[in-house]
Amino acid sequence: MKVFIVGLGLMGSSYAEKLKIKGYEIFGIDKDISIQEKAFKDGVIKGFRMDDMLDSELIILALYPKENVKFVEDHLKYFNHQILTDISGTKTHQMDSLEKILPKSIRYVSHHPMAGREKSGYDNRDIQMFEGANFLIIDEDPTDRLEVSIIKKMAMDLGFKKITKISKEKHDQLIAHTSQLTHLLAVNLMLIDNLEETKNATGDSFRDLTRIAKINERMWAQLFIDNKNVLIETVDRFIESLESLKSNILNEEQELLESKLKASKERRIKFDEHST
């Protein structure tokens, strides 16, 4: 299968290298010309001409959400019969925008690879990071259209373990809780940190919780704003729960506090059971 990848950063180049190993014919471009040339020299892509998009069977958009939409708007003449997908971390706004401008002949199926690394960029590509990870396909049809089946096969070839179909609205609700809120927590822990005082008093818990604070600031700022309505609701629920815990501590309500800690522990145990 001939695949054209738009964006050769961490994710795009990791897709390219792994899919090439699996026998796909990979072409790609990046706004940084030197990255295109490096990927070609490294054998990660076979070529980087825009015309290669015209007869590709699958196009993968691996830019940030707004950049994905702008790229399609600026290059509509290259989109005709292909299957189109994207890897963006938010869906509703981007998908609605793309569906308004894409030709009817384009078969568009969005997806979200639930994998990543703290470091970004082509030089940090990692074909192992998809192994055993979750993969979300944004589709509500109980039957698999051809394009959905092709995306599923690609996911399996990349090494993803559990493939789930989900609506764009549900995706953004879940991601606000499981990904965006957790990144905000890590960021805020570092923003209130006094490094000189804490660097010698941290254990695994602090390091584990703040690992994802080594963030791609441009991408994540866009993702937060793009999903702002759902994310703000999620943050409000978190603050409400945190205020309740704060009240329990302030009022020395040990039994109430213990019951909440126990409930949290039991939910985490169930989470681990379902994840295996």
C-alpha atoms as a PDB file:
ATOM      1  CA  MET A   1       0.000   0.000   0.000  1.00  0.00           C
ATOM      2  CA  LYS A   2       1.283   3.470  -0.897  1.00  0.00           C
ATOM      3  CA  VAL A   3       1.062   5.817   2.094  1.00  0.00           C
ATOM      4  CA  PHE A   4       1.708   9.557   2.208  1.00  0.00           C
ATOM      5  CA  ILE A   5       2.458  11.090   5.625  1.00  0.00           C
ATOM      6  CA  VAL A   6       2.111  14.833   6.196  1.00  0.00           C
ATOM      7  CA  GLY A   7       4.431  15.804   9.048  1.00  0.00           C
ATOM      8  CA  LEU A   8       7.574  13.886   9.995  1.00  0.00           C
ATOM      9  CA  GLY A   9       7.870  14.768  13.655  1.00  0.00           C
ATOM     10  CA  LEU A  10       7.934  12.181  16.432  1.00  0.00           C
ATOM     11  CA  MET A  11       4.668  10.483  15.487  1.00  0.00           C
ATOM     12  CA  GLY A  12       4.762  10.871  11.719  1.00  0.00           C
ATOM     13  CA  SER A  13       8.310   9.551  11.411  1.00  0.00           C
ATOM     14  CA  SER A  14       7.627   6.693  13.845  1.00  0.00           C
ATOM     15  CA  TYR A  15       4.599   5.683  11.763  1.00  0.00           C
ATOM     16  CA  ALA A  16       6.713   5.936   8.609  1.00  0.00           C
ATOM     17  CA  GLU A  17       9.585   3.809   9.868  1.00  0.00           C
ATOM     18  CA  LYS A  18       7.402   1.080  11.387  1.00  0.00           C
ATOM     19  CA  LEU A  19       5.025   0.857   8.414  1.00  0.00           C
ATOM     20  CA  LYS A  20       7.965   0.679   6.007  1.00  0.00           C
ATOM     21  CA  ILE A  21       9.286  -2.318   7.949  1.00  0.00           C
ATOM     22  CA  LYS A  22       5.835  -3.894   7.552  1.00  0.00           C
ATOM     23  CA  GLY A  23       5.996  -3.561   3.775  1.00  0.00           C
ATOM     24  CA  TYR A  24       4.158  -0.298   3.143  1.00  0.00           C
ATOM     25  CA  GLU A  25       5.501   2.079   0.498  1.00  0.00           C
ATOM     26  CA  ILE A  26       6.052   5.308   2.447  1.00  0.00           C
ATOM     27  CA  PHE A  27       6.254   8.860   1.127  1.00  0.00           C
ATOM     28  CA  GLY A  28       6.108  11.994   3.234  1.00  0.00           C
ATOM     29  CA  ILE A  29       6.703  15.696   3.644  1.00  0.00           C
ATOM     30  CA  ASP A  30       7.574  18.087   6.442  1.00  0.00           C
ATOM     31  CA  LYS A  31       7.589  21.888   6.611  1.00  0.00           C
ATOM     32  CA  ASP A  32      11.265  21.592   7.543  1.00  0.00           C
ATOM     33  CA  ILE A  33      12.950  20.720   4.259  1.00  0.00           C
ATOM     34  CA  SER A  34      16.021  19.380   6.052  1.00  0.00           C
ATOM     35  CA  ILE A  35      13.847  16.818   7.871  1.00  0.00           C
ATOM     36  CA  GLN A  36      12.380  15.606   4.567  1.00  0.00           C
ATOM     37  CA  GLU A  37      15.854  15.165   3.151  1.00  0.00           C
ATOM     38  CA  LYS A  38      17.113  13.441   6.292  1.00  0.00           C
ATOM     39  CA  ALA A  39      14.155  11.031   6.329  1.00  0.00           C
ATOM     40  CA  PHE A  40      14.822  10.227   2.673  1.00  0.00           C
ATOM     41  CA  LYS A  41      18.545   9.731   3.293  1.00  0.00           C
ATOM     42  CA  ASP A  42      17.789   7.503   6.310  1.00  0.00           C
ATOM     43  CA  GLY A  43      15.440   5.391   4.210  1.00  0.00           C
ATOM     44  CA  VAL A  44      12.434   6.242   6.391  1.00  0.00           C
ATOM     45  CA  ILE A  45      10.556   7.592   3.354  1.00  0.00           C
ATOM     46  CA  LYS A  46      10.870   6.711  -0.319  1.00  0.00           C
ATOM     47  CA  GLY A  47      10.299  10.268  -1.546  1.00  0.00           C
ATOM     48  CA  PHE A  48       8.907  13.680  -0.663  1.00  0.00           C
ATOM     49  CA  ARG A  49       7.229  15.067  -3.775  1.00  0.00           C
ATOM     50  CA  MET A  50       3.709  16.455  -3.335  1.00  0.00           C
ATOM     51  CA  ASP A  51       2.677  14.660  -6.535  1.00  0.00           C
ATOM     52  CA  ASP A  52       3.187  11.355  -4.729  1.00  0.00           C
ATOM     53  CA  MET A  53       0.072  12.183  -2.751  1.00  0.00           C
ATOM     54  CA  LEU A  54      -2.099  11.972  -5.874  1.00  0.00           C
ATOM     55  CA  ASP A  55      -1.812   8.209  -6.345  1.00  0.00           C
ATOM     56  CA  SER A  56      -1.389   7.265  -2.675  1.00  0.00           C
ATOM     57  CA  GLU A  57      -4.010   4.946  -1.225  1.00  0.00           C
ATOM     58  CA  LEU A  58      -3.750   6.360   2.294  1.00  0.00           C
ATOM     59  CA  ILE A  59      -2.895   9.869   3.525  1.00  0.00           C
ATOM     60  CA  ILE A  60      -1.977  10.355   7.193  1.00  0.00           C
ATOM     61  CA  LEU A  61      -2.130  13.882   8.607  1.00  0.00           C
ATOM     62  CA  ALA A  62       0.417  14.072  11.439  1.00  0.00           C
ATOM     63  CA  LEU A  63       0.310  17.797  12.168  1.00  0.00           C
ATOM     64  CA  TYR A  64      -1.421  19.717  14.963  1.00  0.00           C
ATOM     65  CA  PRO A  65      -5.227  20.037  14.535  1.00  0.00           C
ATOM     66  CA  LYS A  66      -5.280  23.590  13.122  1.00  0.00           C
ATOM     67  CA  GLU A  67      -2.342  22.859  10.850  1.00  0.00           C
ATOM     68  CA  ASN A  68      -4.085  19.722   9.555  1.00  0.00           C
ATOM     69  CA  VAL A  69      -7.110  21.767   8.488  1.00  0.00           C
ATOM     70  CA  LYS A  70      -4.979  24.500   6.925  1.00  0.00           C
ATOM     71  CA  PHE A  71      -2.883  21.953   5.027  1.00  0.00           C
ATOM     72  CA  VAL A  72      -5.995  20.406   3.484  1.00  0.00           C
ATOM     73  CA  GLU A  73      -7.420  23.843   2.629  1.00  0.00           C
ATOM     74  CA  ASP A  74      -4.174  24.866   0.925  1.00  0.00           C
ATOM     75  CA  HIS A  75      -3.714  21.583  -0.987  1.00  0.00           C
ATOM     76  CA  LEU A  76      -7.240  20.515  -1.926  1.00  0.00           C
ATOM     77  CA  LYS A  77      -6.191  19.701  -5.492  1.00  0.00           C
ATOM     78  CA  TYR A  78      -4.148  16.754  -4.168  1.00  0.00           C
ATOM     79  CA  PHE A  79      -7.143  15.141  -2.451  1.00  0.00           C
ATOM     80  CA  ASN A  80      -9.275  13.036  -4.780  1.00  0.00           C
ATOM     81  CA  HIS A  81      -9.957   9.337  -4.171  1.00  0.00           C
ATOM     82  CA  GLN A  82      -7.716   8.510  -1.200  1.00  0.00           C
ATOM     83  CA  ILE A  83      -8.451   7.272   2.290  1.00  0.00           C
ATOM     84  CA  LEU A  84      -7.601  10.079   4.712  1.00  0.00           C
ATOM     85  CA  THR A  85      -6.827   9.781   8.406  1.00  0.00           C
ATOM     86  CA  ASP A  86      -5.228  11.918  11.113  1.00  0.00           C
ATOM     87  CA  ILE A  87      -3.597  11.304  14.483  1.00  0.00           C
ATOM     88  CA  SER A  88      -4.759  14.428  16.343  1.00  0.00           C
ATOM     89  CA  GLY A  89      -5.439  14.386  20.077  1.00  0.00           C
ATOM     90  CA  THR A  90      -8.759  16.265  19.765  1.00  0.00           C
ATOM     91  CA  LYS A  91     -11.421  15.438  17.235  1.00  0.00           C
ATOM     92  CA  THR A  92     -14.758  17.285  17.169  1.00  0.00           C
ATOM     93  CA  HIS A  93     -13.648  20.711  15.961  1.00  0.00           C
ATOM     94  CA  GLN A  94     -11.060  19.402  13.509  1.00  0.00           C
ATOM     95  CA  MET A  95     -13.306  16.709  12.032  1.00  0.00           C
ATOM     96  CA  ASP A  96     -16.203  19.139  11.592  1.00  0.00           C
ATOM     97  CA  SER A  97     -13.875  21.581   9.818  1.00  0.00           C
ATOM     98  CA  LEU A  98     -12.379  18.937   7.523  1.00  0.00           C
ATOM     99  CA  GLU A  99     -15.712  17.381   6.612  1.00  0.00           C
ATOM    100  CA  LYS A 100     -16.906  20.778   5.347  1.00  0.00           C
ATOM    101  CA  ILE A 101     -14.065  21.161   2.851  1.00  0.00           C
ATOM    102  CA  LEU A 102     -13.077  17.649   1.779  1.00  0.00           C
ATOM    103  CA  PRO A 103     -14.240  16.349  -1.619  1.00  0.00           C
ATOM    104  CA  LYS A 104     -17.014  13.747  -1.418  1.00  0.00           C
ATOM    105  CA  SER A 105     -14.689  11.197  -3.013  1.00  0.00           C
ATOM    106  CA  ILE A 106     -12.354  11.276   0.012  1.00  0.00           C
ATOM    107  CA  ARG A 107     -12.981   8.533   2.594  1.00  0.00           C
ATOM    108  CA  TYR A 108     -12.105  10.148   5.903  1.00  0.00           C
ATOM    109  CA  VAL A 109     -11.593   8.102   9.085  1.00  0.00           C
ATOM    110  CA  SER A 110      -9.916   9.808  12.023  1.00  0.00           C
ATOM    111  CA  HIS A 111      -7.975   7.921  14.689  1.00  0.00           C
ATOM    112  CA  HIS A 112      -5.979   8.556  17.862  1.00  0.00           C
ATOM    113  CA  PRO A 113      -2.898   6.489  18.770  1.00  0.00           C
ATOM    114  CA  MET A 114      -2.735   6.408  22.572  1.00  0.00           C
ATOM    115  CA  ALA A 115       1.044   6.474  22.655  1.00  0.00           C
ATOM    116  CA  GLY A 116       3.749   9.100  22.770  1.00  0.00           C
ATOM    117  CA  ARG A 117       7.023  10.273  24.234  1.00  0.00           C
ATOM    118  CA  GLU A 118       8.118  13.297  26.270  1.00  0.00           C
ATOM    119  CA  LYS A 119      10.578  14.332  23.557  1.00  0.00           C
ATOM    120  CA  SER A 120       9.347  15.468  20.159  1.00  0.00           C
ATOM    121  CA  GLY A 121      10.843  15.647  16.690  1.00  0.00           C
ATOM    122  CA  TYR A 122      12.121  13.357  13.951  1.00  0.00           C
ATOM    123  CA  ASP A 123      15.328  12.427  15.768  1.00  0.00           C
ATOM    124  CA  ASN A 124      13.333  11.007  18.689  1.00  0.00           C
ATOM    125  CA  ARG A 125      11.228   8.634  16.575  1.00  0.00           C
ATOM    126  CA  ASP A 126      10.579   5.282  18.230  1.00  0.00           C
ATOM    127  CA  ILE A 127       8.955   2.341  16.462  1.00  0.00           C
ATOM    128  CA  GLN A 128       8.544   0.471  19.749  1.00  0.00           C
ATOM    129  CA  MET A 129       6.275   3.013  21.447  1.00  0.00           C
ATOM    130  CA  PHE A 130       3.125   1.632  19.823  1.00  0.00           C
ATOM    131  CA  GLU A 131       3.609  -1.918  21.100  1.00  0.00           C
ATOM    132  CA  GLY A 132       0.656  -2.955  23.264  1.00  0.00           C
ATOM    133  CA  ALA A 133      -0.876   0.543  23.314  1.00  0.00           C
ATOM    134  CA  ASN A 134      -4.529   1.488  22.820  1.00  0.00           C
ATOM    135  CA  PHE A 135      -5.823   2.771  19.479  1.00  0.00           C
ATOM    136  CA  LEU A 136      -9.065   4.729  19.021  1.00  0.00           C
ATOM    137  CA  ILE A 137     -10.922   4.876  15.691  1.00  0.00           C
ATOM    138  CA  ILE A 138     -13.454   7.687  15.424  1.00  0.00           C
ATOM    139  CA  ASP A 139     -16.396   5.892  13.877  1.00  0.00           C
ATOM    140  CA  GLU A 140     -19.886   4.992  15.124  1.00  0.00           C
ATOM    141  CA  ASP A 141     -20.879   2.543  12.387  1.00  0.00           C
ATOM    142  CA  PRO A 142     -21.175  -0.965  13.925  1.00  0.00           C
ATOM    143  CA  THR A 143     -20.006  -2.467  10.635  1.00  0.00           C
ATOM    144  CA  ASP A 144     -16.521  -1.838   9.280  1.00  0.00           C
ATOM    145  CA  ARG A 145     -16.346   0.008   5.986  1.00  0.00           C
ATOM    146  CA  LEU A 146     -13.313  -0.764   3.807  1.00  0.00           C
ATOM    147  CA  GLU A 147     -11.496   2.352   5.000  1.00  0.00           C
ATOM    148  CA  VAL A 148     -12.070   1.428   8.652  1.00  0.00           C
ATOM    149  CA  SER A 149     -10.731  -2.076   8.017  1.00  0.00           C
ATOM    150  CA  ILE A 150      -7.614  -0.566   6.428  1.00  0.00           C
ATOM    151  CA  ILE A 151      -7.036   1.709   9.443  1.00  0.00           C
ATOM    152  CA  LYS A 152      -7.495  -1.290  11.760  1.00  0.00           C
ATOM    153  CA  LYS A 153      -4.913  -3.299   9.825  1.00  0.00           C
ATOM    154  CA  MET A 154      -2.509  -0.368   9.952  1.00  0.00           C
ATOM    155  CA  ALA A 155      -2.963  -0.181  13.732  1.00  0.00           C
ATOM    156  CA  MET A 156      -2.168  -3.873  14.112  1.00  0.00           C
ATOM    157  CA  ASP A 157       0.872  -3.544  11.847  1.00  0.00           C
ATOM    158  CA  LEU A 158       2.093  -0.675  14.028  1.00  0.00           C
ATOM    159  CA  GLY A 159       1.808  -2.896  17.100  1.00  0.00           C
ATOM    160  CA  PHE A 160      -1.275  -1.540  18.850  1.00  0.00           C
ATOM    161  CA  LYS A 161      -3.070  -4.039  21.074  1.00  0.00           C
ATOM    162  CA  LYS A 162      -6.636  -2.876  21.757  1.00  0.00           C
ATOM    163  CA  ILE A 163      -8.523  -1.137  18.950  1.00  0.00           C
ATOM    164  CA  THR A 164     -11.755   0.635  19.926  1.00  0.00           C
ATOM    165  CA  LYS A 165     -14.342   2.505  17.849  1.00  0.00           C
ATOM    166  CA  ILE A 166     -15.786   5.620  19.457  1.00  0.00           C
ATOM    167  CA  SER A 167     -17.695   8.808  18.543  1.00  0.00           C
ATOM    168  CA  LYS A 168     -15.811  12.090  18.229  1.00  0.00           C
ATOM    169  CA  GLU A 169     -17.786  13.593  21.121  1.00  0.00           C
ATOM    170  CA  LYS A 170     -17.107  10.664  23.432  1.00  0.00           C
ATOM    171  CA  HIS A 171     -13.458  10.709  22.409  1.00  0.00           C
ATOM    172  CA  ASP A 172     -13.034  14.331  23.440  1.00  0.00           C
ATOM    173  CA  GLN A 173     -14.825  13.725  26.754  1.00  0.00           C
ATOM    174  CA  LEU A 174     -12.616  10.760  27.636  1.00  0.00           C
ATOM    175  CA  ILE A 175      -9.398  12.422  26.495  1.00  0.00           C
ATOM    176  CA  ALA A 176     -10.167  15.504  28.589  1.00  0.00           C
ATOM    177  CA  HIS A 177     -10.118  13.231  31.650  1.00  0.00           C
ATOM    178  CA  THR A 178      -7.463  10.627  30.852  1.00  0.00           C
ATOM    179  CA  SER A 179      -4.933  12.776  29.000  1.00  0.00           C
ATOM    180  CA  GLN A 180      -5.513  16.518  29.072  1.00  0.00           C
ATOM    181  CA  LEU A 181      -6.361  16.830  32.775  1.00  0.00           C
ATOM    182  CA  THR A 182      -3.411  14.626  33.729  1.00  0.00           C
ATOM    183  CA  HIS A 183      -1.064  16.843  31.704  1.00  0.00           C
ATOM    184  CA  LEU A 184      -2.506  19.961  33.355  1.00  0.00           C
ATOM    185  CA  LEU A 185      -1.898  18.401  36.777  1.00  0.00           C
ATOM    186  CA  ALA A 186       1.722  17.629  35.920  1.00  0.00           C
ATOM    187  CA  VAL A 187       2.242  21.127  34.538  1.00  0.00           C
ATOM    188  CA  ASN A 188       0.744  22.780  37.606  1.00  0.00           C
ATOM    189  CA  LEU A 189       2.782  20.658  40.003  1.00  0.00           C
ATOM    190  CA  MET A 190       5.902  22.009  38.305  1.00  0.00           C
ATOM    191  CA  LEU A 191       4.589  25.596  38.177  1.00  0.00           C
ATOM    192  CA  ILE A 192       4.149  25.682  41.964  1.00  0.00           C
ATOM    193  CA  ASP A 193       7.417  23.850  42.594  1.00  0.00           C
ATOM    194  CA  ASN A 194      10.477  25.484  44.118  1.00  0.00           C
ATOM    195  CA  LEU A 195      13.199  23.420  42.511  1.00  0.00           C
ATOM    196  CA  GLU A 196      15.954  24.434  44.919  1.00  0.00           C
ATOM    197  CA  GLU A 197      13.919  23.272  47.909  1.00  0.00           C
ATOM    198  CA  THR A 198      12.326  20.145  46.478  1.00  0.00           C
ATOM    199  CA  LYS A 199      15.056  18.585  44.347  1.00  0.00           C
ATOM    200  CA  ASN A 200      16.511  16.698  47.320  1.00  0.00           C
ATOM    201  CA  ALA A 201      13.142  15.739  48.813  1.00  0.00           C
ATOM    202  CA  THR A 202      11.379  14.009  45.931  1.00  0.00           C
ATOM    203  CA  GLY A 203      10.563  10.346  45.553  1.00  0.00           C
ATOM    204  CA  ASP A 204       9.073   8.178  42.847  1.00  0.00           C
ATOM    205  CA  SER A 205       5.576   9.628  43.305  1.00  0.00           C
ATOM    206  CA  PHE A 206       6.643  13.160  42.346  1.00  0.00           C
ATOM    207  CA  ARG A 207       8.788  11.948  39.464  1.00  0.00           C
ATOM    208  CA  ASP A 208       6.009   9.684  38.140  1.00  0.00           C
ATOM    209  CA  LEU A 209       3.346  12.395  38.378  1.00  0.00           C
ATOM    210  CA  THR A 210       5.458  15.091  36.709  1.00  0.00           C
ATOM    211  CA  ARG A 211       7.139  13.023  33.984  1.00  0.00           C
ATOM    212  CA  ILE A 212       4.654  14.293  31.383  1.00  0.00           C
ATOM    213  CA  ALA A 213       5.341  17.925  32.326  1.00  0.00           C
ATOM    214  CA  LYS A 214       8.236  17.703  29.827  1.00  0.00           C
ATOM    215  CA  ILE A 215       5.648  18.816  27.354  1.00  0.00           C
ATOM    216  CA  ASN A 216       5.465  19.970  23.733  1.00  0.00           C
ATOM    217  CA  GLU A 217       4.079  23.361  24.726  1.00  0.00           C
ATOM    218  CA  ARG A 218       2.895  24.460  21.290  1.00  0.00           C
ATOM    219  CA  MET A 219       0.974  21.276  20.594  1.00  0.00           C
ATOM    220  CA  TRP A 220      -0.578  20.936  24.043  1.00  0.00           C
ATOM    221  CA  ALA A 221      -1.664  24.583  24.265  1.00  0.00           C
ATOM    222  CA  GLN A 222      -3.526  24.064  20.993  1.00  0.00           C
ATOM    223  CA  LEU A 223      -5.076  20.787  22.181  1.00  0.00           C
ATOM    224  CA  PHE A 224      -6.259  22.362  25.449  1.00  0.00           C
ATOM    225  CA  ILE A 225      -7.895  25.300  23.664  1.00  0.00           C
ATOM    226  CA  ASP A 226      -9.340  23.139  20.892  1.00  0.00           C
ATOM    227  CA  ASN A 227     -11.184  21.037  23.490  1.00  0.00           C
ATOM    228  CA  LYS A 228     -11.786  23.904  25.912  1.00  0.00           C
ATOM    229  CA  ASN A 229     -15.494  23.403  26.646  1.00  0.00           C
ATOM    230  CA  VAL A 230     -15.157  19.753  27.616  1.00  0.00           C
ATOM    231  CA  LEU A 231     -11.826  20.301  29.354  1.00  0.00           C
ATOM    232  CA  ILE A 232     -13.138  23.164  31.502  1.00  0.00           C
ATOM    233  CA  GLU A 233     -16.044  20.979  32.658  1.00  0.00           C
ATOM    234  CA  THR A 234     -13.544  18.250  33.561  1.00  0.00           C
ATOM    235  CA  VAL A 235     -11.314  20.691  35.442  1.00  0.00           C
ATOM    236  CA  ASP A 236     -14.344  22.027  37.346  1.00  0.00           C
ATOM    237  CA  ARG A 237     -15.305  18.503  38.436  1.00  0.00           C
ATOM    238  CA  PHE A 238     -11.750  17.878  39.577  1.00  0.00           C
ATOM    239  CA  ILE A 239     -11.652  21.126  41.566  1.00  0.00           C
ATOM    240  CA  GLU A 240     -14.979  20.253  43.197  1.00  0.00           C
ATOM    241  CA  SER A 241     -13.632  16.854  44.255  1.00  0.00           C
ATOM    242  CA  LEU A 242     -10.358  18.387  45.455  1.00  0.00           C
ATOM    243  CA  GLU A 243     -12.267  20.974  47.493  1.00  0.00           C
ATOM    244  CA  SER A 244     -14.192  18.141  49.135  1.00  0.00           C
ATOM    245  CA  LEU A 245     -10.942  16.398  50.071  1.00  0.00           C
ATOM    246  CA  LYS A 246      -9.567  19.708  51.324  1.00  0.00           C
ATOM    247  CA  SER A 247     -12.635  20.133  53.540  1.00  0.00           C
ATOM    248  CA  ASN A 248     -12.231  16.603  54.947  1.00  0.00           C
ATOM    249  CA  ILE A 249      -8.624  17.361  55.863  1.00  0.00           C
ATOM    250  CA  LEU A 250      -9.402  20.812  57.285  1.00  0.00           C
ATOM    251  CA  ASN A 251     -12.207  19.449  59.454  1.00  0.00           C
ATOM    252  CA  GLU A 252     -10.226  16.347  60.442  1.00  0.00           C
ATOM    253  CA  GLU A 253     -12.935  14.050  59.052  1.00  0.00           C
ATOM    254  CA  GLN A 254     -10.772  10.947  59.093  1.00  0.00           C
ATOM    255  CA  GLU A 255     -13.511   8.392  58.386  1.00  0.00           C
ATOM    256  CA  LEU A 256     -14.763  10.304  55.335  1.00  0.00           C
ATOM    257  CA  LEU A 257     -11.206  10.762  54.122  1.00  0.00           C
ATOM    258  CA  GLU A 258     -10.392   7.080  54.587  1.00  0.00           C
ATOM    259  CA  SER A 259     -13.520   6.052  52.665  1.00  0.00           C
ATOM    260  CA  LYS A 260     -12.512   8.216  49.700  1.00  0.00           C
ATOM    261  CA  LEU A 261      -8.945   6.931  49.744  1.00  0.00           C
ATOM    262  CA  LYS A 262     -10.245   3.366  49.877  1.00  0.00           C
ATOM    263  CA  ALA A 263     -12.645   4.010  46.974  1.00  0.00           C
ATOM    264  CA  SER A 264      -9.767   5.449  44.950  1.00  0.00           C
ATOM    265  CA  LYS A 265      -7.562   2.436  45.688  1.00  0.00           C
ATOM    266  CA  GLU A 266     -10.326  -0.010  44.697  1.00  0.00           C
ATOM    267  CA  ARG A 267     -10.957   1.830  41.420  1.00  0.00           C
ATOM    268  CA  ARG A 268      -7.250   1.710  40.620  1.00  0.00           C
ATOM    269  CA  ILE A 269      -7.149  -2.046  41.293  1.00  0.00           C
ATOM    270  CA  LYS A 270     -10.120  -2.554  38.946  1.00  0.00           C
ATOM    271  CA  PHE A 271      -8.415  -0.367  36.352  1.00  0.00           C
ATOM    272  CA  ASP A 272      -5.319  -2.581  36.460  1.00  0.00           C
ATOM    273  CA  GLU A 273      -7.469  -5.717  36.129  1.00  0.00           C
ATOM    274  CA  HIS A 274      -9.224  -4.366  33.032  1.00  0.00           C
ATOM    275  CA  SER A 275      -5.958  -3.163  31.495  1.00  0.00           C
ATOM    276  CA  THR A 276      -4.294  -6.585  31.462  1.00  0.00           C
END
